[in-house]
């Protein structure tokens, strides 16, 4: 979807300026926000793609005025409500009122290090051979879905070159909406800066994105 999260190439937001000395957390509540998000995600009610989609579905006025972890918590509230763990009146009251849905599993503190170490791999086998190969010129599809997608708005309809074939991965566009993992081949596609940003773009600039096969068509 063309949500507030899709900022690539948008004017008025300034450059991305990473600070190597920036702390991992700016306040204690951010540390807790991360912990609560991971713990509730481990309950098994939703996947990472649904979680991402909920964040990008926040109202732009809220999204642009929220900090990183505030966006996480705002989306988590909606996920918990959607799946029946809390209700709107409980959220307003700040405490439990109704029994709520029982989680499929509850992570234990002793299991956390092992769970985090294993991660949640999303690579999957794909029976069909890749449709594209390194060095091939391709074009990104020009579509604007209302649901979740990992294809950046600035790359849609643009010409690029396949740099690498990465193997099969869960397709986020369906996985975010409980329509199955439907794994597809994933490619790294490289774009010239002027192709993306026009003739005034930096000729020395190139941008790489990882794109699922459904996002790509022959040039």
Foldseek 3Di string as FASTA:
>chain_A
DPFLVQCVPPPDPDDDDDDPPDDPDPDPVLVVLVVVLVQVVVLPPADPLLLVQLLRPPHNVDNVPDDPSVSSVVSVVVVCCVQFQAHPVCVVVVHGDDPTDDGNDGDDPVCVVVDVVVDDDFADADPDDDPDAFFAKWAFAADDDPGDAPDRNLRHRFIWGWHHWDHWGFHSRCRSPVNDRPIFIKTKTKDQQCRRVNPPGDRVDMDIDIDGPVRIDHD
